[in-house]
């Protein structure tokens, strides 16, 4: 990434007592977070049920004023096209006001600036859901919102939800790209915080178990939900705080679960690797930062001679300083960031 070669990504140090003793919005960082509007990215391969899920959310009485940003209004989406109200150089919008106070829109530019313009024009929302195209890699989109949060945006990335079609996901995961890179279906599963296995009524229980195991081989950390017709509890999708300090305790518990499974899972050329907790010293922290920088940006493992390119799709972790320190160092990564 241009301009980043001389910079080392900062590790964030957190005091667990502050997090455990108080709600998430009590500490200084999260007071700022409370004033921001959360955005959840909804991704999934073609036909997985993304738009059906969003339609379901739009018609629920959840008490939130939501903006649901669709890739486009499809003729079969079940949502009637609204009147086009604006057409400019950078942003083209279609709008539909709904009875439950939500706003459904289609935007040409899914960038942070376009969505902030949306917020200015229509008033502030409680929540924003962003649907990606079925063939999109959600990594760059997630990175865009995550980086912009550090630049004072009114938005913050709450989480990434991936839907998969129980009947066809095995086929999509096994598809080979001509350039040898990781296909989009695998990327969508690997980067997810929550995964919805949809259309479970179209496969046998044994096939469903195989599908879930394949997903676990790619992403052993995400929570998985099985559904029919994209009907998922809202608390599985909204306000999951996947990228903020509220997850420190959850990550600690999660690491215990992950250590009970095989250390390295693999499907084709994709691995999920879990490293057990190990103490570090303050001197080691800068070395770890440089090691992560090299791993993410040079796409090789430092000090190991290999011609293989390594692409990190998602990175999560906690480092515990030695000598009885109460602090924790939280590591989060999405592809190069």
Foldseek 3Di string as FASTA:
>chain_A
DPPPPVDFDDWDKFFVVVLVVDPQCPDDVNVLVVQAAEEEEEAEAPPLQRLLLVVVVLPDQPVWAEEEEEQDDDPPSPDDWADFDDDDDQWTKTWDADPNNYIYMYIPDPALVRVVVVCVVPPHTNYYYYYDYNQDQCLVVQVRQCVVVVVPGSYHYQFYEYGYELVCLVVQQPDADPVRDHGRNLLSLQQGQEYEDEPPVVDDPVSSVVVVVVSCFSHVRHHYHYYYSNDDPVVRGPRNRPPDPNCVVVQVVSLVVCVVDDQWGDDDHHIDGRDHADADAPVCSVVVSVQLLCCQPVQDGPPDDDPDGHWDQWDWDWHHHDDPDSMITTDTDGRND
